[in-house]
Amino acid sequence: MKKIKKITMVILAFAFILNFAVGCRKGKDGDVKEIIIGTGSAYNPYCFLDEKGELTGFEKAVLDEVNKILPQYKFTYKIYDFANILLSLESGSIDIGAHQFEFNTERAAKYLYGNEGYTTYNLYLVVRDDNNSIKSFEDLKGKSLVSTSTTNNTYYITNKWNNEHGNPFKIVFADSDPLMLEGIQSGIYDAFVTLKRRVPNYIAQYNVKIKIVGDAVSYSDAYHIYNKQNGKQLKKDIDEALVKLKENGTIRKLSLEWIGEDVVPPVGDKPPIND
């Protein structure tokens, strides 16, 4: 009997803790569900810390407006290194990944993409401004392309193309953007891949002489990413809110404010594959 009582007490204690945790996730009034959003803190102007050390940027500004339309949710934010955001989504530690995630098939196999892109995210080759021999990946044969990470889409795009074409160029790595740009300027590296709108900032901030060449090597938007098993309703609700914010001009206004130009894709600009 004593053993049974002890087991019963343990079960009741566990049930209490579980109920308390769920109650906290739902919110104080029991009707509002807390949604944990995983993002970064070092990608200005999208997600970064202000002078007070508080999270700010375009990503949060858009989601704050989404939350106004969806009072059934309470959005809270957790900051991660970029590489850990999707791992946390997979483990259930967060409900949404928000860090200008472009589409690629490897991510689509694991995660659920939103159906509404909220910025365009086309990638281009960049070279030193006196280099006229490179216009495309094909022109990199025997040369080098530099990347700063193996977890971002620029690496995925370049590595995929390189593998599919017999690895004609070498992919090398720099620890930071300044080192990458220094290597391009000095001729150590031949090219890198980035957003077109980042190039003027690189030139102004680091005083480098670089230029965009050729057509885009990748066409995508940035999307919110959800857990495939339990994120479908949340995705649907946020997609609908994003449509309203596109149609009433709110996201365009935020894009101009934070990014400096209108980079908002049209309504219905969805990823090519989405289960």
Protein backbone atom coordinates (compact mmCIF):
# COMPACT_ATOMS: atom_id res chain seq x y z
CA MET A 1 0.00 0.00 0.00
CA LYS A 2 2.82 2.38 0.87
CA LYS A 3 4.43 1.75 -2.51
CA ILE A 4 1.11 2.38 -4.26
CA LYS A 5 0.63 5.63 -2.35
CA LYS A 6 4.14 6.77 -3.26
CA ILE A 7 3.58 5.98 -6.93
CA THR A 8 0.24 7.79 -6.84
CA MET A 9 1.85 10.85 -5.26
CA VAL A 10 4.59 10.88 -7.91
CA ILE A 11 2.00 10.65 -10.70
CA LEU A 12 -0.06 13.45 -9.20
CA ALA A 13 3.02 15.62 -8.74
CA PHE A 14 4.05 15.04 -12.35
CA ALA A 15 0.52 15.83 -13.55
CA PHE A 16 0.56 19.06 -11.55
CA ILE A 17 3.88 20.15 -13.04
CA LEU A 18 2.74 19.27 -16.57
CA ASN A 19 -0.53 21.11 -16.11
CA PHE A 20 1.31 24.12 -14.72
CA ALA A 21 3.67 24.17 -17.69
CA VAL A 22 0.83 23.91 -20.20
CA GLY A 23 -1.07 26.59 -18.36
CA CYS A 24 1.93 28.88 -18.57
CA ARG A 25 2.21 28.21 -22.31
CA LYS A 26 -1.47 29.09 -22.77
CA GLY A 27 -1.15 32.37 -20.91
CA LYS A 28 -2.73 33.83 -17.81
CA ASP A 29 -6.28 33.95 -19.10
CA GLY A 30 -6.18 30.38 -20.43
CA ASP A 31 -7.26 31.49 -23.92
CA VAL A 32 -4.06 32.98 -25.28
CA LYS A 33 -1.43 30.56 -26.52
CA GLU A 34 2.20 31.51 -26.16
CA ILE A 35 4.19 31.13 -29.38
CA ILE A 36 7.96 30.93 -29.09
CA ILE A 37 9.82 32.46 -32.03
CA GLY A 38 13.46 31.60 -32.63
CA THR A 39 15.55 34.30 -34.28
CA GLY A 40 19.04 35.80 -34.30
CA SER A 41 20.65 38.90 -32.84
CA ALA A 42 23.42 39.87 -35.27
CA TYR A 43 21.77 40.31 -38.68
CA ASN A 44 21.08 44.02 -39.08
CA PRO A 45 18.51 45.22 -40.20
CA TYR A 46 16.51 42.00 -39.88
CA CYS A 47 17.16 40.78 -36.33
CA PHE A 48 19.67 42.47 -34.04
CA LEU A 49 20.09 44.06 -30.63
CA ASP A 50 19.58 47.80 -30.18
CA GLU A 51 21.67 50.08 -27.95
CA LYS A 52 19.73 48.85 -24.92
CA GLY A 53 20.44 45.21 -25.77
CA GLU A 54 16.85 44.55 -26.81
CA LEU A 55 15.82 42.57 -29.87
CA THR A 56 14.70 44.68 -32.80
CA GLY A 57 14.68 44.75 -36.59
CA PHE A 58 12.46 43.99 -39.57
CA GLU A 59 11.73 40.38 -38.55
CA LYS A 60 10.32 41.38 -35.17
CA ALA A 61 8.51 44.41 -36.59
CA VAL A 62 6.62 42.21 -39.06
CA LEU A 63 5.74 39.60 -36.44
CA ASP A 64 4.62 42.30 -33.99
CA GLU A 65 2.11 43.45 -36.61
CA VAL A 66 1.05 39.85 -37.23
CA ASN A 67 0.47 39.40 -33.49
CA LYS A 68 -1.88 42.41 -33.46
CA ILE A 69 -4.08 40.60 -35.97
CA LEU A 70 -3.91 37.32 -34.04
CA PRO A 71 -4.85 38.07 -30.41
CA GLN A 72 -5.25 34.35 -29.70
CA TYR A 73 -1.43 34.16 -29.64
CA LYS A 74 1.23 35.81 -27.56
CA PHE A 75 4.55 36.01 -29.38
CA THR A 76 7.74 35.76 -27.34
CA TYR A 77 11.27 35.55 -28.71
CA LYS A 78 14.32 33.40 -28.07
CA ILE A 79 17.70 34.30 -29.54
CA TYR A 80 19.92 31.63 -31.09
CA ASP A 81 22.92 31.33 -33.34
CA PHE A 82 21.62 30.94 -36.88
CA ALA A 83 22.60 27.28 -37.08
CA ASN A 84 20.61 26.40 -33.95
CA ILE A 85 17.26 27.96 -34.86
CA LEU A 86 15.99 25.09 -36.98
CA LEU A 87 17.42 22.49 -34.60
CA SER A 88 15.36 24.12 -31.84
CA LEU A 89 12.29 24.06 -34.08
CA GLU A 90 12.81 20.36 -34.74
CA SER A 91 13.16 19.62 -31.02
CA GLY A 92 10.02 21.58 -30.14
CA SER A 93 11.82 24.30 -28.15
CA ILE A 94 10.35 26.94 -30.46
CA ASP A 95 7.27 27.21 -32.67
CA ILE A 96 8.55 29.44 -35.49
CA GLY A 97 11.93 30.02 -37.12
CA ALA A 98 12.31 33.65 -38.26
CA HIS A 99 15.66 34.63 -39.77
CA GLN A 100 15.12 35.41 -43.47
CA PHE A 101 14.96 31.71 -44.28
CA GLU A 102 15.05 31.10 -48.03
CA PHE A 103 13.65 27.98 -49.62
CA ASN A 104 15.75 24.91 -50.27
CA THR A 105 14.71 21.30 -50.70
CA GLU A 106 16.72 19.98 -47.75
CA ARG A 107 14.90 22.31 -45.35
CA ALA A 108 11.55 21.56 -47.02
CA ALA A 109 12.03 17.86 -46.26
CA LYS A 110 12.27 18.59 -42.53
CA TYR A 111 10.23 21.71 -41.92
CA LEU A 112 7.01 23.40 -42.99
CA TYR A 113 7.41 26.65 -44.92
CA GLY A 114 4.90 29.44 -44.68
CA ASN A 115 2.94 30.09 -47.86
CA GLU A 116 3.60 33.84 -47.82
CA GLY A 117 7.08 35.16 -48.50
CA TYR A 118 7.67 38.48 -46.78
CA THR A 119 10.89 39.67 -48.47
CA THR A 120 12.48 38.79 -51.78
CA TYR A 121 15.77 36.97 -51.29
CA ASN A 122 17.48 36.51 -54.65
CA LEU A 123 21.21 35.73 -54.52
CA TYR A 124 23.94 37.00 -56.86
CA LEU A 125 27.62 36.42 -57.52
CA VAL A 126 29.92 39.22 -56.38
CA VAL A 127 33.53 39.80 -57.48
CA ARG A 128 36.21 42.48 -57.22
CA ASP A 129 35.19 45.44 -59.38
CA ASP A 130 38.12 45.04 -61.84
CA ASN A 131 37.35 41.35 -62.45
CA ASN A 132 35.64 41.01 -65.83
CA SER A 133 36.23 37.28 -66.33
CA ILE A 134 33.43 36.00 -64.05
CA LYS A 135 29.74 36.30 -64.90
CA SER A 136 28.37 32.96 -63.64
CA PHE A 137 29.27 29.77 -61.78
CA GLU A 138 30.58 28.34 -65.07
CA ASP A 139 33.28 31.02 -65.15
CA LEU A 140 34.62 29.94 -61.75
CA LYS A 141 36.33 26.82 -63.12
CA GLY A 142 39.71 26.47 -61.41
CA LYS A 143 38.91 29.42 -59.13
CA SER A 144 37.59 29.85 -55.58
CA LEU A 145 34.30 30.92 -54.04
CA VAL A 146 34.30 32.00 -50.39
CA SER A 147 31.52 31.46 -47.85
CA THR A 148 31.21 32.30 -44.16
CA SER A 149 29.02 29.36 -43.14
CA THR A 150 27.89 25.87 -44.09
CA THR A 151 24.37 26.43 -42.72
CA ASN A 152 23.14 29.36 -44.81
CA ASN A 153 21.50 29.19 -48.22
CA THR A 154 24.42 30.77 -50.05
CA TYR A 155 26.51 27.71 -49.22
CA TYR A 156 23.65 25.34 -50.06
CA ILE A 157 23.18 26.93 -53.50
CA THR A 158 26.88 27.04 -54.40
CA ASN A 159 27.69 23.60 -53.06
CA LYS A 160 24.69 22.04 -54.83
CA TRP A 161 25.63 23.58 -58.18
CA ASN A 162 29.28 22.65 -57.74
CA ASN A 163 28.50 19.02 -56.90
CA GLU A 164 26.10 18.69 -59.83
CA HIS A 165 28.75 19.97 -62.25
CA GLY A 166 31.78 17.94 -61.15
CA ASN A 167 33.16 20.43 -58.59
CA PRO A 168 34.88 22.77 -61.05
CA PHE A 169 35.66 25.40 -58.40
CA LYS A 170 36.87 25.32 -54.83
CA ILE A 171 34.65 26.44 -51.95
CA VAL A 172 36.65 27.99 -49.13
CA PHE A 173 35.62 29.57 -45.84
CA ALA A 174 36.23 32.83 -44.01
CA ASP A 175 35.36 33.34 -40.35
CA SER A 176 33.54 36.65 -40.89
CA ASP A 177 32.30 39.09 -43.52
CA PRO A 178 35.31 41.43 -43.05
CA LEU A 179 37.73 38.54 -43.68
CA MET A 180 35.71 37.39 -46.67
CA LEU A 181 35.74 40.88 -48.18
CA GLU A 182 39.42 41.36 -47.42
CA GLY A 183 40.14 38.13 -49.26
CA ILE A 184 38.11 39.26 -52.28
CA GLN A 185 39.84 42.65 -52.30
CA SER A 186 43.32 41.13 -52.08
CA GLY A 187 42.63 38.47 -54.72
CA ILE A 188 42.87 35.48 -52.39
CA TYR A 189 39.27 34.60 -53.25
CA ASP A 190 37.54 35.11 -56.58
CA ALA A 191 33.85 35.43 -55.73
CA PHE A 192 31.10 35.10 -53.13
CA VAL A 193 27.31 34.93 -53.15
CA THR A 194 25.02 37.41 -51.42
CA LEU A 195 21.88 39.54 -51.65
CA LYS A 196 22.05 42.40 -54.12
CA ARG A 197 20.91 44.86 -51.47
CA ARG A 198 23.81 43.94 -49.18
CA VAL A 199 26.49 45.00 -51.64
CA PRO A 200 26.15 48.81 -51.19
CA ASN A 201 26.37 48.28 -47.41
CA TYR A 202 29.54 46.20 -47.81
CA ILE A 203 31.09 48.90 -49.99
CA ALA A 204 30.20 51.70 -47.57
CA GLN A 205 31.09 49.86 -44.37
CA TYR A 206 34.30 48.13 -45.43
CA ASN A 207 35.50 50.41 -48.25
CA VAL A 208 35.85 47.50 -50.67
CA LYS A 209 35.67 47.67 -54.45
CA ILE A 210 33.24 44.94 -55.49
CA LYS A 211 30.41 44.49 -57.97
CA ILE A 212 27.49 42.18 -58.77
CA VAL A 213 27.81 40.13 -61.94
CA GLY A 214 25.37 38.17 -64.08
CA ASP A 215 21.86 37.01 -63.32
CA ALA A 216 20.69 35.75 -59.95
CA VAL A 217 22.06 32.32 -59.03
CA SER A 218 19.03 31.67 -56.81
CA TYR A 219 15.47 33.02 -56.74
CA SER A 220 13.56 32.80 -53.47
CA ASP A 221 11.67 34.73 -50.85
CA ALA A 222 12.21 34.69 -47.11
CA TYR A 223 9.61 32.61 -45.26
CA HIS A 224 8.72 31.73 -41.70
CA ILE A 225 9.38 28.06 -40.94
CA TYR A 226 7.28 25.77 -38.72
CA ASN A 227 7.34 22.29 -37.26
CA LYS A 228 5.79 19.85 -39.75
CA GLN A 229 3.93 17.86 -37.13
CA ASN A 230 2.22 20.60 -35.13
CA GLY A 231 2.68 23.87 -37.01
CA LYS A 232 -0.03 23.68 -39.68
CA GLN A 233 -2.72 25.76 -37.95
CA LEU A 234 -0.20 28.35 -36.78
CA LYS A 235 1.20 28.59 -40.31
CA LYS A 236 -2.31 29.04 -41.73
CA ASP A 237 -3.13 31.82 -39.27
CA ILE A 238 0.12 33.68 -39.87
CA ASP A 239 -0.14 33.31 -43.65
CA GLU A 240 -3.59 34.91 -43.52
CA ALA A 241 -2.26 37.75 -41.37
CA LEU A 242 0.65 38.33 -43.75
CA VAL A 243 -1.78 38.59 -46.67
CA LYS A 244 -3.69 41.35 -44.83
CA LEU A 245 -0.46 43.17 -44.00
CA LYS A 246 0.66 43.01 -47.62
CA GLU A 247 -2.69 44.22 -48.92
CA ASN A 248 -2.92 47.16 -46.51
CA GLY A 249 0.67 48.25 -47.16
CA THR A 250 2.01 47.61 -43.65
CA ILE A 251 4.84 45.28 -44.67
CA ARG A 252 5.85 47.63 -47.49
CA LYS A 253 6.07 50.46 -44.96
CA LEU A 254 8.20 48.31 -42.63
CA SER A 255 10.42 47.29 -45.55
CA LEU A 256 11.08 50.92 -46.44
CA GLU A 257 11.71 51.79 -42.80
CA TRP A 258 14.06 48.94 -41.94
CA ILE A 259 15.60 47.81 -45.24
CA GLY A 260 15.49 51.08 -47.15
CA GLU A 261 13.57 49.77 -50.15
CA ASP A 262 10.42 47.87 -51.05
CA VAL A 263 11.43 44.20 -51.20
CA VAL A 264 8.01 42.71 -50.40
CA PRO A 265 6.89 39.90 -52.75
CA PRO A 266 3.29 39.82 -54.02
CA VAL A 267 0.50 37.98 -52.23
CA GLY A 268 0.61 34.25 -52.89
CA ASP A 269 4.36 34.11 -53.57
CA LYS A 270 4.84 30.69 -52.03
CA PRO A 271 7.75 28.21 -51.96
CA PRO A 272 7.87 25.71 -54.84
CA ILE A 273 7.42 22.71 -52.52
CA ASN A 274 5.37 22.71 -49.34
CA ASP A 275 3.74 19.69 -47.67
